[in-house]
Amino acid sequence: MRPATVLLMTVISAVLLPACSYTTHVTSAKQPPLVFGSPLVDAPTQTLSIDDIQVIENGQAGNVDPGFIQRFALEMRRSGLFRAVYDPANAYSAPADAVRLKLYVTEVLDRHWGEKVGKDILVGLSYLALMPVMPYKMEDSVSLRVTVTLPDKSTREFESFTTAKVDYKGFSDSKAAEDDLKRTTMNDCLNGLLAKMKADKEFLSALEPQ
């Protein structure tokens, strides 16, 4: 292989490999630490029924991801707060005196397409040469709010909020970057929600047998 060809391939690799990567990080305030290990209620006696999950995506009603429902129900089971957990599909089977929970998910995903199109118009065809190394970003904000109704009909409300962003280049897998961004945001927000529930002494006391 000619030296010039080797040099060209080296330069192309040096440009394109970084352009195919992306980095994701949380930009909002740090969530309270999630405590793992021993249950916070000595002997959980309460049953939890997840009665409803509502999703709003970019201001519009969205579909509830079955995988997220399973994840949320699993985390409620692992929390050590409840003896049993019924997901929305099985809420009808929960006992009449179960703790009732409604979850509201609000997500705003900003792909910055308007900014990208504006740059395209400004630089014209010359943009094609810069596309592999031009920086782009997406931002995702998630709010998780739960309303918990206890057997005595009193209610408690908990809310968690997370914002994250992903930086990527023109030749990156934008779908993979978006998926990683949404996963990072949701995981951090869910951990924050669980931490707040498990740190609320009045709530924990209300779950104890009277």
Protein backbone atom coordinates (compact mmCIF):
# COMPACT_ATOMS: atom_id res chain seq x y z
CA MET A 1 0.00 0.00 0.00
CA ARG A 2 1.35 3.41 -0.95
CA PRO A 3 2.49 5.72 1.88
CA ALA A 4 0.07 8.39 0.69
CA THR A 5 -2.82 5.92 0.91
CA VAL A 6 -1.79 4.83 4.41
CA LEU A 7 -1.59 8.46 5.49
CA LEU A 8 -5.01 9.19 4.03
CA MET A 9 -6.60 6.21 5.80
CA THR A 10 -4.95 7.24 9.07
CA VAL A 11 -6.33 10.75 8.76
CA ILE A 12 -9.81 9.47 7.89
CA SER A 13 -9.79 7.08 10.85
CA ALA A 14 -8.62 9.84 13.18
CA VAL A 15 -11.54 12.00 12.05
CA LEU A 16 -14.30 9.41 11.79
CA LEU A 17 -13.70 7.31 14.90
CA PRO A 18 -14.28 10.19 17.34
CA ALA A 19 -17.19 11.28 15.17
CA CYS A 20 -18.92 7.94 15.77
CA SER A 21 -18.92 8.25 19.56
CA TYR A 22 -21.22 10.02 22.00
CA THR A 23 -21.12 11.01 25.65
CA THR A 24 -24.11 11.22 27.99
CA HIS A 25 -24.29 12.88 31.38
CA VAL A 26 -26.82 14.23 33.84
CA THR A 27 -26.91 18.02 34.03
CA SER A 28 -29.53 18.56 36.76
CA ALA A 29 -28.93 18.67 40.50
CA LYS A 30 -27.63 15.48 42.09
CA GLN A 31 -30.34 13.14 43.32
CA PRO A 32 -30.41 11.96 46.94
CA PRO A 33 -28.54 8.65 47.35
CA LEU A 34 -30.60 5.50 46.98
CA VAL A 35 -30.16 3.19 49.97
CA PHE A 36 -29.89 -0.50 49.13
CA GLY A 37 -29.79 -3.47 51.43
CA SER A 38 -31.92 -4.00 54.52
CA PRO A 39 -35.62 -3.19 54.25
CA LEU A 40 -36.70 0.09 55.83
CA VAL A 41 -39.91 -1.41 57.13
CA ASP A 42 -39.15 -4.22 59.61
CA ALA A 43 -41.89 -6.55 58.41
CA PRO A 44 -43.75 -5.17 55.37
CA THR A 45 -47.47 -5.87 55.66
CA GLN A 46 -48.91 -3.46 53.13
CA THR A 47 -49.81 -4.43 49.57
CA LEU A 48 -49.20 -1.92 46.79
CA SER A 49 -51.48 -1.56 43.78
CA ILE A 50 -50.13 0.49 40.86
CA ASP A 51 -53.51 1.63 39.59
CA ASP A 52 -52.50 3.91 36.74
CA ILE A 53 -49.51 5.23 34.80
CA GLN A 54 -49.94 8.30 32.60
CA VAL A 55 -47.29 9.52 30.17
CA ILE A 56 -46.90 12.96 28.58
CA GLU A 57 -44.20 13.25 25.92
CA ASN A 58 -43.38 16.72 24.56
CA GLY A 59 -46.79 17.97 25.62
CA GLN A 60 -48.74 15.08 24.07
CA ALA A 61 -50.24 11.97 25.64
CA GLY A 62 -47.80 9.12 25.05
CA ASN A 63 -47.84 5.35 25.20
CA VAL A 64 -46.71 3.56 28.33
CA ASP A 65 -43.70 1.34 27.66
CA PRO A 66 -44.49 -2.18 29.01
CA GLY A 67 -40.82 -2.57 29.86
CA PHE A 68 -40.93 0.54 32.02
CA ILE A 69 -44.06 -0.73 33.81
CA GLN A 70 -42.26 -3.97 34.64
CA ARG A 71 -39.17 -2.05 35.77
CA PHE A 72 -41.20 0.28 37.99
CA ALA A 73 -43.15 -2.60 39.57
CA LEU A 74 -39.88 -4.50 40.13
CA GLU A 75 -38.28 -1.52 41.86
CA MET A 76 -41.32 -1.17 44.11
CA ARG A 77 -40.98 -4.86 45.05
CA ARG A 78 -37.25 -4.49 45.69
CA SER A 79 -37.76 -1.40 47.84
CA GLY A 80 -38.59 -3.52 50.89
CA LEU A 81 -41.60 -1.32 51.64
CA PHE A 82 -44.39 -3.62 50.49
CA ARG A 83 -45.34 -7.22 51.02
CA ALA A 84 -46.65 -7.55 47.46
CA VAL A 85 -46.98 -5.31 44.39
CA TYR A 86 -49.68 -5.43 41.71
CA ASP A 87 -48.94 -3.78 38.36
CA PRO A 88 -51.69 -1.95 36.41
CA ALA A 89 -52.66 -5.08 34.49
CA ASN A 90 -53.37 -6.90 37.75
CA ALA A 91 -54.54 -4.03 39.94
CA TYR A 92 -58.09 -5.44 39.94
CA SER A 93 -56.80 -8.41 41.96
CA ALA A 94 -55.32 -6.26 44.74
CA PRO A 95 -57.08 -6.40 48.12
CA ALA A 96 -59.45 -3.60 49.02
CA ASP A 97 -57.13 -2.27 51.73
CA ALA A 98 -54.08 -2.04 49.45
CA VAL A 99 -52.00 1.11 49.16
CA ARG A 100 -52.94 2.77 45.86
CA LEU A 101 -50.39 4.46 43.62
CA LYS A 102 -50.71 6.57 40.49
CA LEU A 103 -47.63 7.50 38.47
CA TYR A 104 -47.35 10.50 36.17
CA VAL A 105 -44.43 10.57 33.72
CA THR A 106 -43.57 13.79 31.89
CA GLU A 107 -40.75 13.80 29.33
CA VAL A 108 -39.41 16.55 27.08
CA LEU A 109 -36.86 15.48 24.46
CA ASP A 110 -35.12 18.23 22.51
CA ARG A 111 -33.18 16.98 19.49
CA HIS A 112 -32.09 20.51 18.48
CA TRP A 113 -33.12 19.84 14.87
CA GLY A 114 -33.99 23.51 14.36
CA GLU A 115 -30.46 24.53 15.28
CA LYS A 116 -29.00 21.89 12.97
CA VAL A 117 -31.12 22.95 10.01
CA GLY A 118 -30.14 26.57 10.60
CA LYS A 119 -26.47 25.66 10.45
CA ASP A 120 -27.04 23.67 7.27
CA ILE A 121 -28.58 26.69 5.57
CA LEU A 122 -25.81 29.02 6.70
CA VAL A 123 -22.86 26.94 5.57
CA GLY A 124 -24.45 25.39 2.49
CA LEU A 125 -22.72 22.57 0.69
CA SER A 126 -19.44 23.21 2.51
CA TYR A 127 -21.13 21.71 5.55
CA LEU A 128 -20.76 18.24 4.05
CA ALA A 129 -17.00 18.35 4.59
CA LEU A 130 -17.44 19.30 8.25
CA MET A 131 -20.39 17.04 9.03
CA PRO A 132 -18.39 14.16 10.60
CA VAL A 133 -16.83 16.41 13.23
CA MET A 134 -19.59 18.97 13.81
CA PRO A 135 -20.88 18.70 17.41
CA TYR A 136 -24.55 18.09 18.10
CA LYS A 137 -26.48 17.51 21.27
CA MET A 138 -29.83 16.26 22.52
CA GLU A 139 -31.38 17.10 25.87
CA ASP A 140 -33.93 15.06 27.78
CA SER A 141 -35.93 16.08 30.85
CA VAL A 142 -38.01 13.60 32.85
CA SER A 143 -40.36 14.17 35.77
CA LEU A 144 -41.77 11.26 37.78
CA ARG A 145 -44.58 12.11 40.18
CA VAL A 146 -46.48 9.60 42.27
CA THR A 147 -49.61 10.04 44.33
CA VAL A 148 -49.92 7.40 47.03
CA THR A 149 -53.26 6.78 48.78
CA LEU A 150 -52.98 4.89 52.05
CA PRO A 151 -55.69 2.59 53.43
CA ASP A 152 -56.87 5.39 55.77
CA LYS A 153 -57.45 7.52 52.60
CA SER A 154 -54.65 9.94 53.43
CA THR A 155 -52.35 10.75 50.52
CA ARG A 156 -48.67 11.36 50.00
CA GLU A 157 -47.00 12.82 46.91
CA PHE A 158 -43.42 12.36 45.74
CA GLU A 159 -41.71 13.86 42.71
CA SER A 160 -38.31 13.49 41.07
CA PHE A 161 -36.83 15.46 38.19
CA THR A 162 -33.77 14.84 36.01
CA THR A 163 -32.26 16.57 32.99
CA ALA A 164 -29.47 15.02 30.94
CA LYS A 165 -27.79 15.64 27.61
CA VAL A 166 -25.82 13.68 25.05
CA ASP A 167 -23.08 15.13 22.84
CA TYR A 168 -22.40 13.40 19.53
CA LYS A 169 -20.97 13.99 16.06
CA GLY A 170 -22.43 13.82 12.58
CA PHE A 171 -21.48 10.20 11.88
CA SER A 172 -22.59 8.91 15.28
CA ASP A 173 -25.49 6.50 15.65
CA SER A 174 -28.02 9.14 16.67
CA LYS A 175 -30.62 6.49 17.58
CA ALA A 176 -28.18 4.78 19.97
CA ALA A 177 -27.25 8.18 21.42
CA GLU A 178 -30.93 9.03 21.95
CA ASP A 179 -31.65 5.65 23.57
CA ASP A 180 -28.69 6.04 25.92
CA LEU A 181 -29.81 9.58 26.80
CA LYS A 182 -33.36 8.50 27.64
CA ARG A 183 -32.13 5.48 29.62
CA THR A 184 -29.71 7.65 31.63
CA THR A 185 -32.36 10.26 32.38
CA MET A 186 -35.01 7.74 33.40
CA ASN A 187 -32.66 5.70 35.59
CA ASP A 188 -31.47 8.76 37.49
CA CYS A 189 -35.00 10.09 37.90
CA LEU A 190 -36.39 6.75 39.09
CA ASN A 191 -33.55 6.30 41.59
CA GLY A 192 -34.26 9.78 42.92
CA LEU A 193 -37.95 9.02 43.31
CA LEU A 194 -37.28 5.80 45.21
CA ALA A 195 -34.74 7.55 47.43
CA LYS A 196 -37.27 10.21 48.39
CA MET A 197 -39.94 7.64 49.19
CA LYS A 198 -37.58 5.57 51.32
CA ALA A 199 -36.29 8.63 53.18
CA ASP A 200 -39.74 9.98 54.18
CA LYS A 201 -40.12 8.96 57.83
CA GLU A 202 -43.80 9.89 58.00
CA PHE A 203 -44.51 7.74 54.95
CA LEU A 204 -42.55 4.82 56.38
CA SER A 205 -44.40 5.17 59.66
CA ALA A 206 -47.75 5.10 57.86
CA LEU A 207 -46.77 1.78 56.26
CA GLU A 208 -46.09 0.17 59.62
CA PRO A 209 -48.87 -1.99 61.10
CA GLN A 210 -50.99 -0.04 63.56
